[in-house]
């Protein structure tokens, strides 16, 4: 019996070392070697300080910025700790009310815009943390951002085009724009002709 217990404990120790120490160290080392940017959270750095991640949305409300998808994480917007399923069911009146409020806020921010509001500007993503918007959502906001910044729509459109990512592997998903990266580009001095 003591031999069985000793063998069981040895196996437990061995498997703990393999799966709890060796494997994580090898996986982390390979990730740092092959994909260092992604392994470190795809952080976006400005003036030597991390200001966000290309993988997690941020809340923008100023009219001079493009706005991302609504965050379903509460009580703090875009809080990764609260990530999870976010949209209410299609028959839930709460979803209808939330969408109506979001449409009203978008219309109030840009009263001259009579285009249909893209769905990704009024519904949260499955994670509630989506950092990207569709091209339709970017185009919907183009005039507002250009006007607020005193830029031509063609200048802003050029930046939108520059920060548009295509389909993954050429077939998966839709073209999209990373909101944080686009807004940082808008804040860059060369955007304003300086």
N, C-alpha and C. Protein backbone atom coordinates (compact mmCIF):
# COMPACT_ATOMS: atom_id res chain seq x y z
N UNK A 1 0.81 -1.20 0.00
CA UNK A 1 0.00 0.00 0.00
C UNK A 1 0.86 1.27 0.00
N UNK A 2 1.93 1.27 0.82
CA UNK A 2 2.80 2.44 0.86
C UNK A 2 3.49 2.65 -0.49
N UNK A 3 3.78 1.57 -1.21
CA UNK A 3 4.39 1.69 -2.54
C UNK A 3 3.41 2.35 -3.51
N UNK A 4 2.13 2.01 -3.43
CA UNK A 4 1.11 2.62 -4.27
C UNK A 4 0.99 4.11 -3.98
N UNK A 5 0.97 4.46 -2.71
CA UNK A 5 0.88 5.87 -2.32
C UNK A 5 2.10 6.63 -2.79
N UNK A 6 3.29 6.02 -2.61
CA UNK A 6 4.53 6.67 -3.05
C UNK A 6 4.50 6.89 -4.57
N UNK A 7 4.09 5.89 -5.33
CA UNK A 7 4.01 6.02 -6.80
C UNK A 7 2.99 7.09 -7.21
N UNK A 8 1.86 7.12 -6.51
CA UNK A 8 0.83 8.12 -6.81
C UNK A 8 1.35 9.52 -6.53
N UNK A 9 2.05 9.70 -5.41
CA UNK A 9 2.61 11.02 -5.08
C UNK A 9 3.71 11.42 -6.06
N UNK A 10 4.52 10.46 -6.48
CA UNK A 10 5.57 10.75 -7.47
C UNK A 10 4.94 11.19 -8.79
N UNK A 11 3.89 10.48 -9.19
CA UNK A 11 3.20 10.84 -10.43
C UNK A 11 2.56 12.22 -10.31
N UNK A 12 1.96 12.51 -9.18
CA UNK A 12 1.37 13.83 -8.94
C UNK A 12 2.44 14.92 -9.03
N UNK A 13 3.57 14.70 -8.39
CA UNK A 13 4.67 15.66 -8.44
C UNK A 13 5.18 15.84 -9.86
N UNK A 14 5.40 14.74 -10.56
CA UNK A 14 5.89 14.79 -11.93
C UNK A 14 4.92 15.54 -12.85
N UNK A 15 3.64 15.22 -12.78
CA UNK A 15 2.65 15.88 -13.63
C UNK A 15 2.49 17.35 -13.26
N UNK A 16 2.61 17.66 -11.97
CA UNK A 16 2.55 19.06 -11.54
C UNK A 16 3.72 19.84 -12.13
N UNK A 17 4.90 19.27 -12.10
CA UNK A 17 6.07 19.93 -12.69
C UNK A 17 5.93 20.09 -14.20
N UNK A 18 5.43 19.05 -14.86
CA UNK A 18 5.30 19.12 -16.32
C UNK A 18 4.21 20.11 -16.73
N UNK A 19 3.00 19.93 -16.18
CA UNK A 19 1.87 20.75 -16.63
C UNK A 19 1.76 22.10 -15.91
N UNK A 20 2.32 22.20 -14.72
CA UNK A 20 2.21 23.44 -13.96
C UNK A 20 3.42 24.34 -14.02
N UNK A 21 4.57 23.79 -14.43
CA UNK A 21 5.79 24.60 -14.48
C UNK A 21 6.40 24.56 -15.88
N UNK A 22 6.79 23.39 -16.34
CA UNK A 22 7.51 23.28 -17.62
C UNK A 22 6.67 23.77 -18.80
N UNK A 23 5.46 23.26 -18.94
CA UNK A 23 4.63 23.65 -20.08
C UNK A 23 4.35 25.15 -20.10
N UNK A 24 3.91 25.77 -19.00
CA UNK A 24 3.69 27.22 -19.03
C UNK A 24 4.95 28.02 -19.36
N UNK A 25 6.10 27.58 -18.85
CA UNK A 25 7.35 28.29 -19.16
C UNK A 25 7.70 28.18 -20.64
N UNK A 26 7.56 27.00 -21.21
CA UNK A 26 7.86 26.81 -22.63
C UNK A 26 6.87 27.61 -23.49
N UNK A 27 5.58 27.53 -23.16
CA UNK A 27 4.57 28.25 -23.94
C UNK A 27 4.79 29.76 -23.86
N UNK A 28 5.08 30.27 -22.67
CA UNK A 28 5.34 31.70 -22.50
C UNK A 28 6.61 32.11 -23.24
N UNK A 29 7.65 31.31 -23.13
CA UNK A 29 8.90 31.61 -23.83
C UNK A 29 8.72 31.64 -25.34
N UNK A 30 8.01 30.66 -25.88
CA UNK A 30 7.76 30.64 -27.32
C UNK A 30 6.91 31.84 -27.75
N UNK A 31 5.89 32.16 -26.96
CA UNK A 31 5.04 33.31 -27.29
C UNK A 31 5.85 34.60 -27.30
N UNK A 32 6.73 34.78 -26.30
CA UNK A 32 7.56 35.98 -26.25
C UNK A 32 8.53 36.04 -27.42
N UNK A 33 9.00 34.89 -27.85
CA UNK A 33 9.96 34.82 -28.95
C UNK A 33 9.29 35.05 -30.30
N UNK A 34 8.15 34.40 -30.53
CA UNK A 34 7.50 34.43 -31.84
C UNK A 34 6.49 35.57 -31.98
N UNK A 35 5.73 35.86 -30.93
CA UNK A 35 4.69 36.90 -30.97
C UNK A 35 4.82 37.84 -29.78
N UNK A 36 5.91 38.60 -29.66
CA UNK A 36 6.09 39.42 -28.45
C UNK A 36 5.01 40.48 -28.24
N UNK A 37 4.56 41.14 -29.30
CA UNK A 37 3.53 42.18 -29.17
C UNK A 37 2.23 41.58 -28.63
N UNK A 38 1.78 40.48 -29.23
CA UNK A 38 0.54 39.85 -28.80
C UNK A 38 0.67 39.23 -27.41
N UNK A 39 1.82 38.64 -27.12
CA UNK A 39 2.02 37.99 -25.82
C UNK A 39 1.98 39.01 -24.67
N UNK A 40 2.25 40.26 -24.99
CA UNK A 40 2.24 41.30 -23.96
C UNK A 40 0.98 42.16 -24.00
N UNK A 41 -0.08 41.65 -24.63
CA UNK A 41 -1.37 42.33 -24.58
C UNK A 41 -1.64 43.30 -25.71
N UNK A 42 -0.81 43.33 -26.75
CA UNK A 42 -0.99 44.25 -27.87
C UNK A 42 -1.17 45.69 -27.38
N UNK A 43 -0.31 46.08 -26.44
CA UNK A 43 -0.42 47.41 -25.85
C UNK A 43 -0.04 48.49 -26.84
N UNK A 44 -0.74 49.61 -26.74
CA UNK A 44 -0.44 50.79 -27.54
C UNK A 44 0.24 51.77 -26.60
N UNK A 45 1.44 52.21 -26.98
CA UNK A 45 2.26 53.05 -26.11
C UNK A 45 2.36 54.45 -26.72
N UNK A 46 2.21 55.46 -25.86
CA UNK A 46 2.36 56.85 -26.29
C UNK A 46 3.24 57.54 -25.26
N UNK A 47 4.29 58.18 -25.72
CA UNK A 47 5.24 58.86 -24.83
C UNK A 47 5.79 57.92 -23.76
N UNK A 48 6.04 56.67 -24.15
CA UNK A 48 6.63 55.69 -23.25
C UNK A 48 5.67 55.07 -22.24
N UNK A 49 4.40 55.43 -22.31
CA UNK A 49 3.42 54.88 -21.36
C UNK A 49 2.33 54.13 -22.12
N UNK A 50 1.93 52.97 -21.60
CA UNK A 50 0.82 52.26 -22.24
C UNK A 50 -0.49 53.04 -22.02
N UNK A 51 -1.23 53.25 -23.11
CA UNK A 51 -2.49 54.00 -23.00
C UNK A 51 -3.70 53.15 -23.36
N UNK A 52 -3.45 51.93 -23.76
CA UNK A 52 -4.56 51.05 -24.11
C UNK A 52 -4.04 49.82 -24.82
N UNK A 53 -4.97 49.01 -25.23
CA UNK A 53 -4.65 47.80 -25.98
C UNK A 53 -5.42 47.83 -27.29
N UNK A 54 -4.79 47.31 -28.33
CA UNK A 54 -5.47 47.22 -29.62
C UNK A 54 -6.59 46.18 -29.58
N UNK A 55 -6.67 45.42 -28.49
CA UNK A 55 -7.64 44.33 -28.38
C UNK A 55 -8.85 44.66 -27.50
N UNK A 56 -8.81 45.79 -26.80
CA UNK A 56 -9.91 46.15 -25.89
C UNK A 56 -10.38 47.56 -26.21
N UNK A 57 -11.68 47.70 -26.42
CA UNK A 57 -12.25 48.99 -26.75
C UNK A 57 -12.14 49.99 -25.61
N UNK A 58 -12.18 51.26 -25.98
CA UNK A 58 -12.20 52.34 -25.00
C UNK A 58 -13.41 53.20 -25.30
N UNK A 59 -13.87 53.89 -24.29
CA UNK A 59 -15.05 54.74 -24.44
C UNK A 59 -14.63 56.14 -24.87
N UNK A 60 -15.16 56.59 -26.00
CA UNK A 60 -14.94 57.95 -26.49
C UNK A 60 -16.30 58.62 -26.61
N UNK A 61 -16.43 59.85 -26.10
CA UNK A 61 -17.70 60.56 -26.19
C UNK A 61 -17.56 61.95 -26.81
N UNK A 62 -16.34 62.44 -26.94
CA UNK A 62 -16.11 63.75 -27.54
C UNK A 62 -16.39 63.67 -29.03
N UNK A 63 -17.03 64.71 -29.58
CA UNK A 63 -17.42 64.69 -30.99
C UNK A 63 -16.22 64.69 -31.94
N UNK A 64 -15.03 65.02 -31.46
CA UNK A 64 -13.85 65.02 -32.33
C UNK A 64 -13.24 63.63 -32.48
N UNK A 65 -13.83 62.64 -31.82
CA UNK A 65 -13.34 61.27 -31.90
C UNK A 65 -14.38 60.35 -32.52
N UNK A 66 -13.89 59.29 -33.13
CA UNK A 66 -14.78 58.22 -33.56
C UNK A 66 -15.20 57.47 -32.31
N UNK A 67 -16.44 57.04 -32.28
CA UNK A 67 -16.96 56.30 -31.14
C UNK A 67 -17.01 54.83 -31.49
N UNK A 68 -16.71 54.01 -30.51
CA UNK A 68 -16.74 52.57 -30.72
C UNK A 68 -18.10 51.98 -30.41
N UNK A 69 -18.12 50.67 -30.36
CA UNK A 69 -19.35 49.96 -30.00
C UNK A 69 -19.68 50.24 -28.54
N UNK A 70 -20.95 50.22 -28.20
CA UNK A 70 -21.30 50.38 -26.79
C UNK A 70 -20.71 49.22 -25.98
N UNK A 71 -20.30 49.53 -24.78
CA UNK A 71 -19.77 48.49 -23.90
C UNK A 71 -20.89 47.96 -23.02
N UNK A 72 -20.96 46.66 -22.92
CA UNK A 72 -21.98 46.05 -22.06
C UNK A 72 -21.43 45.73 -20.69
N UNK A 73 -20.17 46.07 -20.45
CA UNK A 73 -19.58 45.78 -19.15
C UNK A 73 -20.00 46.87 -18.17
N UNK A 74 -20.58 46.47 -17.10
CA UNK A 74 -21.03 47.43 -16.10
C UNK A 74 -20.44 47.05 -14.75
N UNK A 75 -20.21 47.95 -13.85
CA UNK A 75 -20.54 49.36 -13.93
C UNK A 75 -19.50 50.21 -14.66
N UNK A 76 -18.34 49.63 -15.01
CA UNK A 76 -17.30 50.39 -15.71
C UNK A 76 -17.25 49.96 -17.17
N UNK A 77 -17.35 50.93 -18.07
CA UNK A 77 -17.30 50.61 -19.50
C UNK A 77 -15.95 50.01 -19.89
N UNK A 78 -15.99 49.03 -20.76
CA UNK A 78 -14.80 48.38 -21.30
C UNK A 78 -13.89 47.80 -20.23
N UNK A 79 -14.47 47.24 -19.20
CA UNK A 79 -13.72 46.60 -18.12
C UNK A 79 -13.65 45.11 -18.41
N UNK A 80 -12.45 44.62 -18.68
CA UNK A 80 -12.26 43.22 -19.04
C UNK A 80 -12.70 42.23 -17.99
N UNK A 81 -12.73 42.64 -16.75
CA UNK A 81 -13.15 41.74 -15.67
C UNK A 81 -14.61 41.34 -15.86
N UNK A 82 -15.41 42.23 -16.43
CA UNK A 82 -16.83 41.97 -16.60
C UNK A 82 -17.19 41.47 -17.99
N UNK A 83 -16.22 41.06 -18.76
CA UNK A 83 -16.47 40.61 -20.13
C UNK A 83 -17.39 39.39 -20.13
N UNK A 84 -18.24 39.35 -21.11
CA UNK A 84 -19.14 38.21 -21.24
C UNK A 84 -20.29 38.54 -22.16
N UNK A 85 -21.21 37.60 -22.28
CA UNK A 85 -22.39 37.82 -23.11
C UNK A 85 -23.06 39.13 -22.74
N UNK A 86 -23.47 39.90 -23.74
CA UNK A 86 -23.88 41.25 -23.44
C UNK A 86 -25.23 41.66 -24.00
N UNK A 87 -25.56 41.27 -25.21
CA UNK A 87 -26.80 41.76 -25.81
C UNK A 87 -28.00 41.05 -25.22
N UNK A 88 -29.03 41.83 -24.98
CA UNK A 88 -30.29 41.27 -24.53
C UNK A 88 -30.93 40.53 -25.70
N UNK A 89 -31.84 39.64 -25.41
CA UNK A 89 -32.51 38.89 -26.47
C UNK A 89 -33.36 39.81 -27.34
N UNK A 90 -33.63 39.40 -28.58
CA UNK A 90 -34.35 40.27 -29.51
C UNK A 90 -35.79 40.57 -29.08
N UNK A 91 -36.37 39.77 -28.21
CA UNK A 91 -37.73 40.04 -27.75
C UNK A 91 -37.75 40.81 -26.43
N UNK A 92 -36.59 41.12 -25.90
CA UNK A 92 -36.51 41.83 -24.63
C UNK A 92 -36.72 43.33 -24.86
N UNK A 93 -37.71 43.94 -24.22
CA UNK A 93 -37.94 45.37 -24.41
C UNK A 93 -36.74 46.22 -23.98
N UNK A 94 -35.91 45.68 -23.08
CA UNK A 94 -34.72 46.41 -22.65
C UNK A 94 -33.76 46.67 -23.80
N UNK A 95 -33.65 45.72 -24.72
CA UNK A 95 -32.79 45.91 -25.89
C UNK A 95 -33.33 47.02 -26.78
N UNK A 96 -34.62 46.99 -27.03
CA UNK A 96 -35.25 48.02 -27.86
C UNK A 96 -35.05 49.40 -27.24
N UNK A 97 -35.26 49.51 -25.94
CA UNK A 97 -35.09 50.79 -25.26
C UNK A 97 -33.64 51.27 -25.33
N UNK A 98 -32.69 50.36 -25.10
CA UNK A 98 -31.27 50.73 -25.14
C UNK A 98 -30.87 51.19 -26.54
N UNK A 99 -31.33 50.48 -27.57
CA UNK A 99 -31.00 50.85 -28.95
C UNK A 99 -31.60 52.21 -29.28
N UNK A 100 -32.84 52.46 -28.88
CA UNK A 100 -33.48 53.76 -29.13
C UNK A 100 -32.70 54.89 -28.46
N UNK A 101 -32.25 54.67 -27.23
CA UNK A 101 -31.47 55.69 -26.51
C UNK A 101 -30.14 55.95 -27.22
N UNK A 102 -29.49 54.90 -27.68
CA UNK A 102 -28.21 55.05 -28.37
C UNK A 102 -28.38 55.77 -29.70
N UNK A 103 -29.45 55.45 -30.42
CA UNK A 103 -29.72 56.14 -31.69
C UNK A 103 -29.97 57.62 -31.42
N UNK A 104 -30.75 57.92 -30.39
CA UNK A 104 -31.03 59.32 -30.04
C UNK A 104 -29.75 60.07 -29.70
N UNK A 105 -28.84 59.43 -28.97
CA UNK A 105 -27.56 60.07 -28.62
C UNK A 105 -26.72 60.33 -29.87
N UNK A 106 -26.70 59.38 -30.80
CA UNK A 106 -25.94 59.57 -32.04
C UNK A 106 -26.56 60.68 -32.88
N UNK A 107 -27.87 60.73 -32.96
CA UNK A 107 -28.56 61.79 -33.72
C UNK A 107 -28.32 63.15 -33.08
N UNK A 108 -28.32 63.22 -31.76
CA UNK A 108 -28.08 64.49 -31.07
C UNK A 108 -26.66 64.99 -31.30
N UNK A 109 -25.71 64.07 -31.39
CA UNK A 109 -24.31 64.46 -31.61
C UNK A 109 -24.06 64.92 -33.04
N UNK A 110 -24.91 64.49 -33.97
CA UNK A 110 -24.74 64.83 -35.39
C UNK A 110 -26.12 65.00 -36.03
N UNK A 111 -26.81 66.11 -35.68
CA UNK A 111 -28.20 66.28 -36.12
C UNK A 111 -28.40 66.31 -37.63
N UNK A 112 -27.39 66.70 -38.38
CA UNK A 112 -27.52 66.76 -39.83
C UNK A 112 -27.41 65.41 -40.51
N UNK A 113 -27.00 64.41 -39.79
CA UNK A 113 -26.79 63.08 -40.37
C UNK A 113 -28.11 62.31 -40.37
N UNK A 114 -28.64 62.07 -41.57
CA UNK A 114 -29.91 61.35 -41.69
C UNK A 114 -29.72 59.92 -42.18
N UNK A 115 -28.48 59.50 -42.28
CA UNK A 115 -28.20 58.12 -42.72
C UNK A 115 -28.68 57.13 -41.66
N UNK A 116 -29.00 55.91 -42.07
CA UNK A 116 -29.35 54.89 -41.08
C UNK A 116 -28.15 54.62 -40.16
N UNK A 117 -28.41 54.44 -38.88
CA UNK A 117 -27.33 54.20 -37.92
C UNK A 117 -26.89 52.74 -38.04
N UNK A 118 -25.59 52.50 -38.27
CA UNK A 118 -25.10 51.12 -38.35
C UNK A 118 -25.34 50.37 -37.04
N UNK A 119 -25.68 49.12 -37.16
CA UNK A 119 -26.06 48.32 -35.99
C UNK A 119 -24.95 48.22 -34.96
N UNK A 120 -23.68 48.22 -35.40
CA UNK A 120 -22.61 48.07 -34.42
C UNK A 120 -22.39 49.32 -33.57
N UNK A 121 -23.02 50.44 -33.92
CA UNK A 121 -22.93 51.62 -33.07
C UNK A 121 -24.00 51.64 -31.98
N UNK A 122 -24.95 50.71 -32.06
CA UNK A 122 -26.03 50.71 -31.07
C UNK A 122 -26.19 49.38 -30.33
N UNK A 123 -25.40 48.38 -30.69
CA UNK A 123 -25.45 47.09 -29.98
C UNK A 123 -24.04 46.72 -29.54
N UNK A 124 -23.95 46.11 -28.38
CA UNK A 124 -22.65 45.68 -27.86
C UNK A 124 -22.24 44.37 -28.52
N UNK A 125 -20.95 44.12 -28.53
CA UNK A 125 -20.45 42.85 -29.06
C UNK A 125 -20.65 41.75 -28.02
N UNK A 126 -20.35 40.52 -28.41
CA UNK A 126 -20.53 39.39 -27.49
C UNK A 126 -19.67 39.54 -26.24
N UNK A 127 -18.48 40.11 -26.38
CA UNK A 127 -17.61 40.29 -25.21
C UNK A 127 -17.90 41.60 -24.49
N UNK A 128 -18.50 42.56 -25.19
CA UNK A 128 -18.71 43.88 -24.61
C UNK A 128 -17.45 44.73 -24.63
N UNK A 129 -16.39 44.24 -25.28
CA UNK A 129 -15.09 44.93 -25.27
C UNK A 129 -14.53 45.19 -26.67
N UNK A 130 -15.34 45.06 -27.69
CA UNK A 130 -14.85 45.11 -29.06
C UNK A 130 -14.13 46.43 -29.37
N UNK A 131 -12.88 46.38 -29.85
CA UNK A 131 -12.12 47.60 -30.13
C UNK A 131 -12.36 48.16 -31.53
N UNK A 132 -13.10 47.45 -32.34
CA UNK A 132 -13.24 47.82 -33.75
C UNK A 132 -14.69 48.10 -34.12
N UNK A 133 -14.83 48.93 -35.17
CA UNK A 133 -16.15 49.20 -35.74
C UNK A 133 -16.10 48.86 -37.22
N UNK A 134 -17.26 48.71 -37.80
CA UNK A 134 -17.35 48.43 -39.23
C UNK A 134 -17.02 49.69 -40.03
N UNK A 135 -16.76 49.50 -41.31
CA UNK A 135 -16.54 50.66 -42.18
C UNK A 135 -17.79 51.52 -42.23
N UNK A 136 -18.97 50.89 -42.21
CA UNK A 136 -20.22 51.65 -42.21
C UNK A 136 -20.30 52.55 -40.98
N UNK A 137 -19.88 52.04 -39.83
CA UNK A 137 -19.91 52.84 -38.60
C UNK A 137 -18.90 53.99 -38.67
N UNK A 138 -17.75 53.74 -39.27
CA UNK A 138 -16.76 54.81 -39.44
C UNK A 138 -17.28 55.87 -40.41
N UNK A 139 -17.86 55.44 -41.52
CA UNK A 139 -18.38 56.40 -42.50
C UNK A 139 -19.54 57.21 -41.93
N UNK A 140 -20.34 56.59 -41.09
CA UNK A 140 -21.46 57.30 -40.45
C UNK A 140 -20.94 58.48 -39.62
N UNK A 141 -19.79 58.34 -39.00
CA UNK A 141 -19.25 59.36 -38.10
C UNK A 141 -18.29 60.34 -38.77
N UNK A 142 -17.98 60.10 -40.02
CA UNK A 142 -16.96 60.86 -40.74
C UNK A 142 -17.19 62.37 -40.71
N UNK A 143 -18.38 62.80 -41.09
CA UNK A 143 -18.68 64.24 -41.15
C UNK A 143 -18.57 64.90 -39.78
N UNK A 144 -19.10 64.23 -38.75
CA UNK A 144 -19.06 64.79 -37.39
C UNK A 144 -17.63 65.01 -36.93
N UNK A 145 -16.79 64.00 -37.13
CA UNK A 145 -15.39 64.09 -36.68
C UNK A 145 -14.65 65.17 -37.48
N UNK A 146 -14.85 65.19 -38.79
CA UNK A 146 -14.18 66.18 -39.64
C UNK A 146 -14.57 67.60 -39.22
N UNK A 147 -15.86 67.82 -39.02
CA UNK A 147 -16.35 69.14 -38.62
C UNK A 147 -15.79 69.55 -37.26
N UNK A 148 -15.79 68.64 -36.30
CA UNK A 148 -15.31 68.95 -34.95
C UNK A 148 -13.82 69.27 -34.94
N UNK A 149 -13.08 68.72 -35.89
CA UNK A 149 -11.63 68.93 -35.94
C UNK A 149 -11.22 70.00 -36.95
N UNK A 150 -12.16 70.51 -37.71
CA UNK A 150 -11.82 71.50 -38.72
C UNK A 150 -11.03 70.90 -39.87
N UNK A 151 -11.27 69.64 -40.17
CA UNK A 151 -10.60 68.95 -41.26
C UNK A 151 -11.59 68.68 -42.38
N UNK A 152 -11.06 68.43 -43.56
CA UNK A 152 -11.95 68.04 -44.66
C UNK A 152 -12.33 66.57 -44.48
N UNK A 153 -13.46 66.21 -45.04
CA UNK A 153 -13.88 64.81 -44.94
C UNK A 153 -12.89 63.91 -45.67
N UNK A 154 -12.25 64.42 -46.71
CA UNK A 154 -11.28 63.58 -47.44
C UNK A 154 -10.05 63.30 -46.58
N UNK A 155 -9.64 64.28 -45.75
CA UNK A 155 -8.51 64.03 -44.84
C UNK A 155 -8.85 62.93 -43.83
N UNK A 156 -10.04 63.01 -43.28
CA UNK A 156 -10.45 62.02 -42.29
C UNK A 156 -10.67 60.67 -42.98
N UNK A 157 -11.25 60.68 -44.18
CA UNK A 157 -11.46 59.44 -44.93
C UNK A 157 -10.13 58.75 -45.22
N UNK A 158 -9.10 59.53 -45.52
CA UNK A 158 -7.77 58.96 -45.77
C UNK A 158 -7.27 58.21 -44.54
N UNK A 159 -7.46 58.80 -43.37
CA UNK A 159 -7.06 58.12 -42.13
C UNK A 159 -7.89 56.86 -41.88
N UNK A 160 -9.18 56.94 -42.13
CA UNK A 160 -10.03 55.76 -41.97
C UNK A 160 -9.52 54.64 -42.88
N UNK A 161 -9.22 54.99 -44.12
CA UNK A 161 -8.70 53.98 -45.06
C UNK A 161 -7.38 53.39 -44.57
N UNK A 162 -6.53 54.25 -44.03
CA UNK A 162 -5.22 53.81 -43.55
C UNK A 162 -5.34 52.85 -42.37
N UNK A 163 -6.34 53.05 -41.53
CA UNK A 163 -6.50 52.22 -40.33
C UNK A 163 -7.58 51.14 -40.49
N UNK A 164 -7.92 50.85 -41.73
CA UNK A 164 -8.88 49.78 -42.00
C UNK A 164 -8.13 48.47 -42.18
N UNK A 165 -8.57 47.45 -41.45
CA UNK A 165 -8.03 46.10 -41.60
C UNK A 165 -8.99 45.31 -42.47
N UNK A 166 -8.44 44.55 -43.38
CA UNK A 166 -9.28 43.75 -44.28
C UNK A 166 -9.75 42.46 -43.63
N UNK A 167 -10.34 41.63 -44.44
CA UNK A 167 -10.82 40.33 -43.97
C UNK A 167 -9.62 39.48 -43.57
N UNK A 168 -9.80 38.65 -42.53
CA UNK A 168 -8.72 37.76 -42.11
C UNK A 168 -8.56 36.66 -43.15
N UNK A 169 -7.32 36.44 -43.56
CA UNK A 169 -6.98 35.46 -44.59
C UNK A 169 -7.75 35.73 -45.88
N UNK A 170 -8.21 36.96 -46.06
CA UNK A 170 -8.90 37.35 -47.27
C UNK A 170 -10.35 36.92 -47.37
N UNK A 171 -10.84 36.10 -46.43
CA UNK A 171 -12.22 35.61 -46.54
C UNK A 171 -13.04 35.71 -45.25
N UNK A 172 -12.40 35.74 -44.09
CA UNK A 172 -13.14 35.70 -42.83
C UNK A 172 -13.41 37.09 -42.29
N UNK A 173 -14.64 37.32 -41.87
CA UNK A 173 -15.01 38.59 -41.27
C UNK A 173 -15.22 39.68 -42.29
N UNK A 174 -15.36 40.88 -41.79
CA UNK A 174 -15.58 42.06 -42.62
C UNK A 174 -14.47 43.07 -42.35
N UNK A 175 -14.21 43.97 -43.31
CA UNK A 175 -13.24 45.04 -43.04
C UNK A 175 -13.68 45.82 -41.80
N UNK A 176 -12.70 46.27 -41.02
CA UNK A 176 -12.99 46.92 -39.76
C UNK A 176 -11.93 47.97 -39.44
N UNK A 177 -12.27 48.85 -38.52
CA UNK A 177 -11.38 49.95 -38.13
C UNK A 177 -11.18 49.90 -36.62
N UNK A 178 -9.91 49.93 -36.18
CA UNK A 178 -9.61 49.97 -34.75
C UNK A 178 -9.80 51.41 -34.28
N UNK A 179 -10.74 51.63 -33.39
CA UNK A 179 -11.14 52.97 -32.97
C UNK A 179 -10.01 53.70 -32.23
N UNK A 180 -9.33 53.04 -31.32
CA UNK A 180 -8.26 53.69 -30.56
C UNK A 180 -7.12 54.11 -31.48
N UNK A 181 -6.70 53.23 -32.36
CA UNK A 181 -5.61 53.57 -33.27
C UNK A 181 -5.99 54.72 -34.20
N UNK A 182 -7.22 54.72 -34.70
CA UNK A 182 -7.69 55.80 -35.56
C UNK A 182 -7.73 57.12 -34.80
N UNK A 183 -8.25 57.11 -33.58
CA UNK A 183 -8.33 58.34 -32.80
C UNK A 183 -6.95 58.88 -32.43
N UNK A 184 -6.00 57.99 -32.16
CA UNK A 184 -4.63 58.44 -31.91
C UNK A 184 -4.03 59.07 -33.16
N UNK A 185 -4.32 58.51 -34.31
CA UNK A 185 -3.83 59.09 -35.57
C UNK A 185 -4.45 60.47 -35.79
N UNK A 186 -5.70 60.64 -35.43
CA UNK A 186 -6.35 61.95 -35.56
C UNK A 186 -5.70 62.98 -34.64
N UNK A 187 -5.23 62.55 -33.48
CA UNK A 187 -4.57 63.45 -32.53
C UNK A 187 -3.13 63.78 -32.90
N UNK A 188 -2.56 63.03 -33.82
CA UNK A 188 -1.16 63.25 -34.20
C UNK A 188 -1.01 64.61 -34.88
N UNK A 189 0.09 65.32 -34.60
CA UNK A 189 0.28 66.67 -35.15
C UNK A 189 0.20 66.74 -36.67
N UNK A 190 0.71 65.73 -37.40
CA UNK A 190 0.70 65.80 -38.86
C UNK A 190 -0.72 65.78 -39.43
N UNK A 191 -1.69 65.31 -38.66
CA UNK A 191 -3.08 65.30 -39.12
C UNK A 191 -3.59 66.71 -39.31
N UNK A 192 -3.07 67.63 -38.52
CA UNK A 192 -3.55 69.01 -38.55
C UNK A 192 -2.64 69.92 -39.37
N UNK A 193 -1.73 69.31 -40.10
CA UNK A 193 -0.85 70.09 -40.96
C UNK A 193 0.28 70.76 -40.22
N UNK A 194 0.58 70.34 -38.98
CA UNK A 194 1.66 70.95 -38.21
C UNK A 194 2.99 70.36 -38.59
